[in-house]
Amino acid sequence: MTDKPQYSVVLPSWDEEPNIRPLAERIAATFSGMGINNWEAIWVDNGSHDGSLTLLKELHAQDERFKFLSLSRNFGHSGAVACGLDAACGERVVLMDG
């Protein structure tokens, strides 16, 4: 994607493997339903111990709009949010929390 995204969705996560794919599908369907194709979803993996990071890599390989940042350890919610907001490139930024 070369154009600046209209929307960036920032998703801090920790050990959320079972929830990632369904949420990714929902995000893509929601934007598609609004006729918006220029978006990015940025997961901030906050030192997960489950298979979250592997799944995020798979999602990114399937669709480059799904992005991820991997933190070396759990930096807490505010640390993950700050990291995601710093990486967001969209004209509008949406923060999704669990």
PDB file of N, CA and C in Angstrom:
ATOM      1  N   MET A   1       0.860  -1.171   0.000  1.00  0.00           N
ATOM      2  CA  MET A   1       0.000   0.000   0.000  1.00  0.00           C
ATOM      3  C   MET A   1       0.902   1.228   0.000  1.00  0.00           C
ATOM      4  N   THR A   2       0.733   2.067  -0.986  1.00  0.00           N
ATOM      5  CA  THR A   2       1.576   3.246  -1.094  1.00  0.00           C
ATOM      6  C   THR A   2       0.880   4.502  -0.590  1.00  0.00           C
ATOM      7  N   ASP A   3      -0.424   4.554  -0.647  1.00  0.00           N
ATOM      8  CA  ASP A   3      -1.154   5.717  -0.165  1.00  0.00           C
ATOM      9  C   ASP A   3      -1.274   5.675   1.351  1.00  0.00           C
ATOM     10  N   LYS A   4      -1.342   6.865   1.927  1.00  0.00           N
ATOM     11  CA  LYS A   4      -1.550   6.958   3.363  1.00  0.00           C
ATOM     12  C   LYS A   4      -2.916   6.365   3.692  1.00  0.00           C
ATOM     13  N   PRO A   5      -2.984   5.465   4.674  1.00  0.00           N
ATOM     14  CA  PRO A   5      -4.279   4.863   5.018  1.00  0.00           C
ATOM     15  C   PRO A   5      -5.273   5.911   5.508  1.00  0.00           C
ATOM     16  N   GLN A   6      -6.540   5.689   5.171  1.00  0.00           N
ATOM     17  CA  GLN A   6      -7.585   6.550   5.722  1.00  0.00           C
ATOM     18  C   GLN A   6      -7.727   6.294   7.220  1.00  0.00           C
ATOM     19  N   TYR A   7      -7.620   5.030   7.597  1.00  0.00           N
ATOM     20  CA  TYR A   7      -7.804   4.635   8.992  1.00  0.00           C
ATOM     21  C   TYR A   7      -6.668   3.737   9.444  1.00  0.00           C
ATOM     22  N   SER A   8      -6.240   3.940  10.676  1.00  0.00           N
ATOM     23  CA  SER A   8      -5.355   3.009  11.372  1.00  0.00           C
ATOM     24  C   SER A   8      -6.117   2.503  12.584  1.00  0.00           C
ATOM     25  N   VAL A   9      -6.160   1.198  12.735  1.00  0.00           N
ATOM     26  CA  VAL A   9      -6.774   0.589  13.912  1.00  0.00           C
ATOM     27  C   VAL A   9      -5.635   0.018  14.748  1.00  0.00           C
ATOM     28  N   VAL A  10      -5.475   0.500  15.966  1.00  0.00           N
ATOM     29  CA  VAL A  10      -4.411   0.054  16.864  1.00  0.00           C
ATOM     30  C   VAL A  10      -5.007  -0.916  17.870  1.00  0.00           C
ATOM     31  N   LEU A  11      -4.383  -2.098  17.968  1.00  0.00           N
ATOM     32  CA  LEU A  11      -4.918  -3.169  18.807  1.00  0.00           C
ATOM     33  C   LEU A  11      -3.830  -3.720  19.726  1.00  0.00           C
ATOM     34  N   PRO A  12      -3.701  -3.192  20.940  1.00  0.00           N
ATOM     35  CA  PRO A  12      -2.758  -3.795  21.877  1.00  0.00           C
ATOM     36  C   PRO A  12      -3.275  -5.174  22.279  1.00  0.00           C
ATOM     37  N   SER A  13      -2.380  -6.158  22.333  1.00  0.00           N
ATOM     38  CA  SER A  13      -2.850  -7.502  22.681  1.00  0.00           C
ATOM     39  C   SER A  13      -1.796  -8.267  23.467  1.00  0.00           C
ATOM     40  N   TRP A  14      -2.280  -9.175  24.269  1.00  0.00           N
ATOM     41  CA  TRP A  14      -1.418 -10.069  25.042  1.00  0.00           C
ATOM     42  C   TRP A  14      -2.130 -11.406  25.168  1.00  0.00           C
ATOM     43  N   ASP A  15      -1.533 -12.447  24.639  1.00  0.00           N
ATOM     44  CA  ASP A  15      -2.088 -13.805  24.685  1.00  0.00           C
ATOM     45  C   ASP A  15      -3.537 -13.842  24.190  1.00  0.00           C
ATOM     46  N   GLU A  16      -3.761 -13.313  23.004  1.00  0.00           N
ATOM     47  CA  GLU A  16      -5.106 -13.234  22.416  1.00  0.00           C
ATOM     48  C   GLU A  16      -5.256 -14.111  21.177  1.00  0.00           C
ATOM     49  N   GLU A  17      -4.442 -15.147  21.054  1.00  0.00           N
ATOM     50  CA  GLU A  17      -4.451 -15.964  19.838  1.00  0.00           C
ATOM     51  C   GLU A  17      -5.848 -16.376  19.374  1.00  0.00           C
ATOM     52  N   PRO A  18      -6.739 -16.876  20.256  1.00  0.00           N
ATOM     53  CA  PRO A  18      -8.046 -17.325  19.762  1.00  0.00           C
ATOM     54  C   PRO A  18      -8.920 -16.202  19.200  1.00  0.00           C
ATOM     55  N   ASN A  19      -8.627 -14.972  19.567  1.00  0.00           N
ATOM     56  CA  ASN A  19      -9.474 -13.848  19.171  1.00  0.00           C
ATOM     57  C   ASN A  19      -8.964 -13.075  17.958  1.00  0.00           C
ATOM     58  N   ILE A  20      -7.724 -13.279  17.592  1.00  0.00           N
ATOM     59  CA  ILE A  20      -7.107 -12.441  16.559  1.00  0.00           C
ATOM     60  C   ILE A  20      -7.735 -12.642  15.185  1.00  0.00           C
ATOM     61  N   ARG A  21      -7.815 -13.879  14.720  1.00  0.00           N
ATOM     62  CA  ARG A  21      -8.344 -14.111  13.369  1.00  0.00           C
ATOM     63  C   ARG A  21      -9.802 -13.651  13.238  1.00  0.00           C
ATOM     64  N   PRO A  22     -10.689 -14.010  14.190  1.00  0.00           N
ATOM     65  CA  PRO A  22     -12.071 -13.522  14.055  1.00  0.00           C
ATOM     66  C   PRO A  22     -12.156 -11.994  14.038  1.00  0.00           C
ATOM     67  N   LEU A  23     -11.337 -11.343  14.836  1.00  0.00           N
ATOM     68  CA  LEU A  23     -11.352  -9.881  14.850  1.00  0.00           C
ATOM     69  C   LEU A  23     -10.798  -9.322  13.539  1.00  0.00           C
ATOM     70  N   ALA A  24      -9.748  -9.921  13.019  1.00  0.00           N
ATOM     71  CA  ALA A  24      -9.190  -9.476  11.736  1.00  0.00           C
ATOM     72  C   ALA A  24     -10.239  -9.582  10.635  1.00  0.00           C
ATOM     73  N   GLU A  25     -10.957 -10.691  10.614  1.00  0.00           N
ATOM     74  CA  GLU A  25     -12.005 -10.878   9.607  1.00  0.00           C
ATOM     75  C   GLU A  25     -13.106  -9.838   9.765  1.00  0.00           C
ATOM     76  N   ARG A  26     -13.434  -9.530  10.992  1.00  0.00           N
ATOM     77  CA  ARG A  26     -14.486  -8.536  11.255  1.00  0.00           C
ATOM     78  C   ARG A  26     -14.047  -7.128  10.843  1.00  0.00           C
ATOM     79  N   ILE A  27     -12.802  -6.803  11.136  1.00  0.00           N
ATOM     80  CA  ILE A  27     -12.270  -5.493  10.738  1.00  0.00           C
ATOM     81  C   ILE A  27     -12.305  -5.355   9.217  1.00  0.00           C
ATOM     82  N   ALA A  28     -11.809  -6.372   8.513  1.00  0.00           N
ATOM     83  CA  ALA A  28     -11.789  -6.330   7.047  1.00  0.00           C
ATOM     84  C   ALA A  28     -13.203  -6.223   6.485  1.00  0.00           C
ATOM     85  N   ALA A  29     -14.131  -6.986   7.040  1.00  0.00           N
ATOM     86  CA  ALA A  29     -15.516  -6.954   6.557  1.00  0.00           C
ATOM     87  C   ALA A  29     -16.167  -5.599   6.822  1.00  0.00           C
ATOM     88  N   THR A  30     -15.875  -5.012   7.957  1.00  0.00           N
ATOM     89  CA  THR A  30     -16.457  -3.712   8.302  1.00  0.00           C
ATOM     90  C   THR A  30     -15.987  -2.635   7.331  1.00  0.00           C
ATOM     91  N   PHE A  31     -14.683  -2.565   7.097  1.00  0.00           N
ATOM     92  CA  PHE A  31     -14.173  -1.571   6.155  1.00  0.00           C
ATOM     93  C   PHE A  31     -14.686  -1.839   4.745  1.00  0.00           C
ATOM     94  N   SER A  32     -14.718  -3.101   4.346  1.00  0.00           N
ATOM     95  CA  SER A  32     -15.228  -3.453   3.019  1.00  0.00           C
ATOM     96  C   SER A  32     -16.683  -3.021   2.865  1.00  0.00           C
ATOM     97  N   GLY A  33     -17.478  -3.237   3.899  1.00  0.00           N
ATOM     98  CA  GLY A  33     -18.887  -2.851   3.880  1.00  0.00           C
ATOM     99  C   GLY A  33     -19.091  -1.354   3.759  1.00  0.00           C
ATOM    100  N   MET A  34     -18.097  -0.586   4.186  1.00  0.00           N
ATOM    101  CA  MET A  34     -18.163   0.871   4.068  1.00  0.00           C
ATOM    102  C   MET A  34     -17.505   1.360   2.781  1.00  0.00           C
ATOM    103  N   GLY A  35     -17.003   0.420   1.970  1.00  0.00           N
ATOM    104  CA  GLY A  35     -16.341   0.797   0.725  1.00  0.00           C
ATOM    105  C   GLY A  35     -14.962   1.390   0.927  1.00  0.00           C
ATOM    106  N   ILE A  36     -14.332   1.076   2.049  1.00  0.00           N
ATOM    107  CA  ILE A  36     -13.004   1.608   2.367  1.00  0.00           C
ATOM    108  C   ILE A  36     -11.984   0.477   2.229  1.00  0.00           C
ATOM    109  N   ASN A  37     -11.032   0.660   1.333  1.00  0.00           N
ATOM    110  CA  ASN A  37      -9.993  -0.347   1.129  1.00  0.00           C
ATOM    111  C   ASN A  37      -8.630   0.096   1.635  1.00  0.00           C
ATOM    112  N   ASN A  38      -8.496   1.383   1.912  1.00  0.00           N
ATOM    113  CA  ASN A  38      -7.211   1.938   2.311  1.00  0.00           C
ATOM    114  C   ASN A  38      -7.167   2.125   3.828  1.00  0.00           C
ATOM    115  N   TRP A  39      -6.835   1.047   4.518  1.00  0.00           N
ATOM    116  CA  TRP A  39      -6.790   1.046   5.977  1.00  0.00           C
ATOM    117  C   TRP A  39      -5.648   0.141   6.422  1.00  0.00           C
ATOM    118  N   GLU A  40      -5.317   0.239   7.698  1.00  0.00           N
ATOM    119  CA  GLU A  40      -4.348  -0.670   8.298  1.00  0.00           C
ATOM    120  C   GLU A  40      -4.818  -1.032   9.696  1.00  0.00           C
ATOM    121  N   ALA A  41      -4.527  -2.252  10.090  1.00  0.00           N
ATOM    122  CA  ALA A  41      -4.786  -2.703  11.457  1.00  0.00           C
ATOM    123  C   ALA A  41      -3.436  -3.083  12.042  1.00  0.00           C
ATOM    124  N   ILE A  42      -3.081  -2.463  13.156  1.00  0.00           N
ATOM    125  CA  ILE A  42      -1.770  -2.673  13.764  1.00  0.00           C
ATOM    126  C   ILE A  42      -1.944  -3.347  15.120  1.00  0.00           C
ATOM    127  N   TRP A  43      -1.588  -4.621  15.180  1.00  0.00           N
ATOM    128  CA  TRP A  43      -1.586  -5.315  16.461  1.00  0.00           C
ATOM    129  C   TRP A  43      -0.251  -5.056  17.135  1.00  0.00           C
ATOM    130  N   VAL A  44      -0.292  -4.760  18.418  1.00  0.00           N
ATOM    131  CA  VAL A  44       0.927  -4.623  19.206  1.00  0.00           C
ATOM    132  C   VAL A  44       0.959  -5.815  20.150  1.00  0.00           C
ATOM    133  N   ASP A  45       1.783  -6.807  19.793  1.00  0.00           N
ATOM    134  CA  ASP A  45       1.904  -8.008  20.612  1.00  0.00           C
ATOM    135  C   ASP A  45       2.789  -7.680  21.807  1.00  0.00           C
ATOM    136  N   ASN A  46       2.178  -7.688  22.966  1.00  0.00           N
ATOM    137  CA  ASN A  46       2.806  -7.210  24.192  1.00  0.00           C
ATOM    138  C   ASN A  46       3.474  -8.360  24.954  1.00  0.00           C
ATOM    139  N   GLY A  47       4.389  -9.055  24.277  1.00  0.00           N
ATOM    140  CA  GLY A  47       5.128 -10.136  24.923  1.00  0.00           C
ATOM    141  C   GLY A  47       4.312 -11.397  25.135  1.00  0.00           C
ATOM    142  N   SER A  48       3.424 -11.722  24.214  1.00  0.00           N
ATOM    143  CA  SER A  48       2.561 -12.904  24.360  1.00  0.00           C
ATOM    144  C   SER A  48       3.379 -14.185  24.469  1.00  0.00           C
ATOM    145  N   HIS A  49       2.791 -15.165  25.175  1.00  0.00           N
ATOM    146  CA  HIS A  49       3.411 -16.482  25.328  1.00  0.00           C
ATOM    147  C   HIS A  49       2.680 -17.548  24.531  1.00  0.00           C
ATOM    148  N   ASP A  50       1.553 -17.198  23.936  1.00  0.00           N
ATOM    149  CA  ASP A  50       0.800 -18.168  23.134  1.00  0.00           C
ATOM    150  C   ASP A  50       1.247 -18.045  21.669  1.00  0.00           C
ATOM    151  N   GLY A  51       0.454 -18.465  20.750  1.00  0.00           N
ATOM    152  CA  GLY A  51       0.812 -18.416  19.336  1.00  0.00           C
ATOM    153  C   GLY A  51       0.403 -17.137  18.631  1.00  0.00           C
ATOM    154  N   SER A  52       0.152 -16.086  19.384  1.00  0.00           N
ATOM    155  CA  SER A  52      -0.311 -14.825  18.788  1.00  0.00           C
ATOM    156  C   SER A  52       0.627 -14.304  17.709  1.00  0.00           C
ATOM    157  N   LEU A  53       1.902 -14.267  17.998  1.00  0.00           N
ATOM    158  CA  LEU A  53       2.856 -13.683  17.058  1.00  0.00           C
ATOM    159  C   LEU A  53       2.905 -14.478  15.752  1.00  0.00           C
ATOM    160  N   THR A  54       2.883 -15.786  15.843  1.00  0.00           N
ATOM    161  CA  THR A  54       2.868 -16.623  14.639  1.00  0.00           C
ATOM    162  C   THR A  54       1.634 -16.325  13.798  1.00  0.00           C
ATOM    163  N   LEU A  55       0.490 -16.212  14.447  1.00  0.00           N
ATOM    164  CA  LEU A  55      -0.753 -15.913  13.741  1.00  0.00           C
ATOM    165  C   LEU A  55      -0.706 -14.526  13.104  1.00  0.00           C
ATOM    166  N   LEU A  56      -0.169 -13.550  13.809  1.00  0.00           N
ATOM    167  CA  LEU A  56      -0.062 -12.199  13.255  1.00  0.00           C
ATOM    168  C   LEU A  56       0.832 -12.178  12.015  1.00  0.00           C
ATOM    169  N   LYS A  57       1.893 -12.958  12.037  1.00  0.00           N
ATOM    170  CA  LYS A  57       2.766 -13.061  10.862  1.00  0.00           C
ATOM    171  C   LYS A  57       2.012 -13.675   9.685  1.00  0.00           C
ATOM    172  N   GLU A  58       1.204 -14.693   9.956  1.00  0.00           N
ATOM    173  CA  GLU A  58       0.399 -15.323   8.901  1.00  0.00           C
ATOM    174  C   GLU A  58      -0.597 -14.330   8.302  1.00  0.00           C
ATOM    175  N   LEU A  59      -1.272 -13.586   9.171  1.00  0.00           N
ATOM    176  CA  LEU A  59      -2.242 -12.598   8.687  1.00  0.00           C
ATOM    177  C   LEU A  59      -1.569 -11.555   7.804  1.00  0.00           C
ATOM    178  N   HIS A  60      -0.405 -11.089   8.225  1.00  0.00           N
ATOM    179  CA  HIS A  60       0.326 -10.086   7.446  1.00  0.00           C
ATOM    180  C   HIS A  60       0.740 -10.643   6.084  1.00  0.00           C
ATOM    181  N   ALA A  61       1.135 -11.912   6.056  1.00  0.00           N
ATOM    182  CA  ALA A  61       1.519 -12.538   4.784  1.00  0.00           C
ATOM    183  C   ALA A  61       0.323 -12.640   3.832  1.00  0.00           C
ATOM    184  N   GLN A  62      -0.870 -12.798   4.394  1.00  0.00           N
ATOM    185  CA  GLN A  62      -2.089 -12.907   3.588  1.00  0.00           C
ATOM    186  C   GLN A  62      -2.603 -11.539   3.137  1.00  0.00           C
ATOM    187  N   ASP A  63      -2.413 -10.529   3.970  1.00  0.00           N
ATOM    188  CA  ASP A  63      -2.938  -9.192   3.675  1.00  0.00           C
ATOM    189  C   ASP A  63      -2.054  -8.175   4.390  1.00  0.00           C
ATOM    190  N   GLU A  64      -1.314  -7.394   3.624  1.00  0.00           N
ATOM    191  CA  GLU A  64      -0.351  -6.460   4.212  1.00  0.00           C
ATOM    192  C   GLU A  64      -0.994  -5.331   5.004  1.00  0.00           C
ATOM    193  N   ARG A  65      -2.303  -5.198   4.922  1.00  0.00           N
ATOM    194  CA  ARG A  65      -2.980  -4.186   5.746  1.00  0.00           C
ATOM    195  C   ARG A  65      -2.990  -4.608   7.211  1.00  0.00           C
ATOM    196  N   PHE A  66      -2.825  -5.906   7.460  1.00  0.00           N
ATOM    197  CA  PHE A  66      -2.692  -6.402   8.832  1.00  0.00           C
ATOM    198  C   PHE A  66      -1.218  -6.330   9.201  1.00  0.00           C
ATOM    199  N   LYS A  67      -0.914  -5.455  10.119  1.00  0.00           N
ATOM    200  CA  LYS A  67       0.470  -5.233  10.536  1.00  0.00           C
ATOM    201  C   LYS A  67       0.616  -5.629  11.997  1.00  0.00           C
ATOM    202  N   PHE A  68       1.846  -5.789  12.421  1.00  0.00           N
ATOM    203  CA  PHE A  68       2.067  -6.131  13.822  1.00  0.00           C
ATOM    204  C   PHE A  68       3.401  -5.570  14.285  1.00  0.00           C
ATOM    205  N   LEU A  69       3.443  -5.312  15.556  1.00  0.00           N
ATOM    206  CA  LEU A  69       4.674  -4.952  16.248  1.00  0.00           C
ATOM    207  C   LEU A  69       4.830  -5.972  17.363  1.00  0.00           C
ATOM    208  N   SER A  70       6.034  -6.430  17.578  1.00  0.00           N
ATOM    209  CA  SER A  70       6.283  -7.429  18.612  1.00  0.00           C
ATOM    210  C   SER A  70       7.187  -6.832  19.682  1.00  0.00           C
ATOM    211  N   LEU A  71       6.658  -6.703  20.887  1.00  0.00           N
ATOM    212  CA  LEU A  71       7.446  -6.176  21.996  1.00  0.00           C
ATOM    213  C   LEU A  71       8.180  -7.325  22.679  1.00  0.00           C
ATOM    214  N   SER A  72       9.383  -7.066  23.158  1.00  0.00           N
ATOM    215  CA  SER A  72      10.228  -8.109  23.738  1.00  0.00           C
ATOM    216  C   SER A  72       9.687  -8.658  25.054  1.00  0.00           C
ATOM    217  N   ARG A  73       8.867  -7.870  25.705  1.00  0.00           N
ATOM    218  CA  ARG A  73       8.233  -8.297  26.958  1.00  0.00           C
ATOM    219  C   ARG A  73       6.954  -7.495  27.115  1.00  0.00           C
ATOM    220  N   ASN A  74       6.204  -7.784  28.151  1.00  0.00           N
ATOM    221  CA  ASN A  74       4.970  -7.050  28.404  1.00  0.00           C
ATOM    222  C   ASN A  74       5.319  -5.688  29.008  1.00  0.00           C
ATOM    223  N   PHE A  75       5.023  -4.640  28.270  1.00  0.00           N
ATOM    224  CA  PHE A  75       5.293  -3.281  28.730  1.00  0.00           C
ATOM    225  C   PHE A  75       4.050  -2.618  29.316  1.00  0.00           C
ATOM    226  N   GLY A  76       3.027  -3.402  29.555  1.00  0.00           N
ATOM    227  CA  GLY A  76       1.788  -2.861  30.091  1.00  0.00           C
ATOM    228  C   GLY A  76       0.933  -2.265  28.987  1.00  0.00           C
ATOM    229  N   HIS A  77      -0.304  -2.034  29.341  1.00  0.00           N
ATOM    230  CA  HIS A  77      -1.267  -1.531  28.367  1.00  0.00           C
ATOM    231  C   HIS A  77      -0.832  -0.200  27.771  1.00  0.00           C
ATOM    232  N   SER A  78      -0.436   0.733  28.608  1.00  0.00           N
ATOM    233  CA  SER A  78      -0.083   2.067  28.100  1.00  0.00           C
ATOM    234  C   SER A  78       1.142   2.014  27.196  1.00  0.00           C
ATOM    235  N   GLY A  79       2.089   1.146  27.493  1.00  0.00           N
ATOM    236  CA  GLY A  79       3.267   0.995  26.639  1.00  0.00           C
ATOM    237  C   GLY A  79       2.902   0.467  25.263  1.00  0.00           C
ATOM    238  N   ALA A  80       2.014  -0.523  25.237  1.00  0.00           N
ATOM    239  CA  ALA A  80       1.578  -1.095  23.958  1.00  0.00           C
ATOM    240  C   ALA A  80       0.782  -0.073  23.150  1.00  0.00           C
ATOM    241  N   VAL A  81      -0.081   0.667  23.819  1.00  0.00           N
ATOM    242  CA  VAL A  81      -0.873   1.694  23.134  1.00  0.00           C
ATOM    243  C   VAL A  81       0.048   2.760  22.537  1.00  0.00           C
ATOM    244  N   ALA A  82       0.998   3.233  23.318  1.00  0.00           N
ATOM    245  CA  ALA A  82       1.920   4.269  22.838  1.00  0.00           C
ATOM    246  C   ALA A  82       2.707   3.782  21.626  1.00  0.00           C
ATOM    247  N   CYS A  83       3.155   2.546  21.673  1.00  0.00           N
ATOM    248  CA  CYS A  83       3.903   1.967  20.557  1.00  0.00           C
ATOM    249  C   CYS A  83       3.031   1.909  19.300  1.00  0.00           C
ATOM    250  N   GLY A  84       1.798   1.463  19.452  1.00  0.00           N
ATOM    251  CA  GLY A  84       0.882   1.368  18.321  1.00  0.00           C
ATOM    252  C   GLY A  84       0.522   2.723  17.746  1.00  0.00           C
ATOM    253  N   LEU A  85       0.261   3.683  18.613  1.00  0.00           N
ATOM    254  CA  LEU A  85      -0.073   5.029  18.137  1.00  0.00           C
ATOM    255  C   LEU A  85       1.099   5.654  17.391  1.00  0.00           C
ATOM    256  N   ASP A  86       2.304   5.383  17.867  1.00  0.00           N
ATOM    257  CA  ASP A  86       3.494   5.914  17.206  1.00  0.00           C
ATOM    258  C   ASP A  86       3.658   5.332  15.798  1.00  0.00           C
ATOM    259  N   ALA A  87       3.252   4.082  15.618  1.00  0.00           N
ATOM    260  CA  ALA A  87       3.397   3.412  14.320  1.00  0.00           C
ATOM    261  C   ALA A  87       2.253   3.719  13.355  1.00  0.00           C
ATOM    262  N   ALA A  88       1.139   4.206  13.870  1.00  0.00           N
ATOM    263  CA  ALA A  88      -0.044   4.444  13.038  1.00  0.00           C
ATOM    264  C   ALA A  88       0.217   5.545  12.016  1.00  0.00           C
ATOM    265  N   CYS A  89      -0.211   5.290  10.782  1.00  0.00           N
ATOM    266  CA  CYS A  89      -0.001   6.246   9.685  1.00  0.00           C
ATOM    267  C   CYS A  89      -1.301   6.837   9.156  1.00  0.00           C
ATOM    268  N   GLY A  90      -2.428   6.354   9.633  1.00  0.00           N
ATOM    269  CA  GLY A  90      -3.709   6.758   9.077  1.00  0.00           C
ATOM    270  C   GLY A  90      -4.083   8.203   9.351  1.00  0.00           C
ATOM    271  N   GLU A  91      -4.972   8.716   8.503  1.00  0.00           N
ATOM    272  CA  GLU A  91      -5.518  10.055   8.712  1.00  0.00           C
ATOM    273  C   GLU A  91      -6.348  10.096   9.990  1.00  0.00           C
ATOM    274  N   ARG A  92      -6.974   8.963  10.294  1.00  0.00           N
ATOM    275  CA  ARG A  92      -7.759   8.809  11.517  1.00  0.00           C
ATOM    276  C   ARG A  92      -7.257   7.559  12.223  1.00  0.00           C
ATOM    277  N   VAL A  93      -7.203   7.605  13.540  1.00  0.00           N
ATOM    278  CA  VAL A  93      -6.714   6.463  14.313  1.00  0.00           C
ATOM    279  C   VAL A  93      -7.804   6.000  15.262  1.00  0.00           C
ATOM    280  N   VAL A  94      -8.028   4.695  15.254  1.00  0.00           N
ATOM    281  CA  VAL A  94      -9.012   4.065  16.133  1.00  0.00           C
ATOM    282  C   VAL A  94      -8.245   3.160  17.083  1.00  0.00           C
ATOM    283  N   LEU A  95      -8.520   3.260  18.368  1.00  0.00           N
ATOM    284  CA  LEU A  95      -7.900   2.394  19.369  1.00  0.00           C
ATOM    285  C   LEU A  95      -8.932   1.384  19.827  1.00  0.00           C
ATOM    286  N   MET A  96      -8.610   0.104  19.694  1.00  0.00           N
ATOM    287  CA  MET A  96      -9.517  -0.955  20.146  1.00  0.00           C
ATOM    288  C   MET A  96      -8.883  -1.665  21.329  1.00  0.00           C
ATOM    289  N   ASP A  97      -9.643  -1.773  22.395  1.00  0.00           N
ATOM    290  CA  ASP A  97      -9.191  -2.459  23.608  1.00  0.00           C
ATOM    291  C   ASP A  97     -10.033  -3.681  23.875  1.00  0.00           C
ATOM    292  N   GLY A  98      -9.412  -4.638  24.526  1.00  0.00           N
ATOM    293  CA  GLY A  98     -10.150  -5.822  24.951  1.00  0.00           C
ATOM    294  C   GLY A  98     -10.640  -5.675  26.353  1.00  0.00           C
TER     295      GLY A  98
END
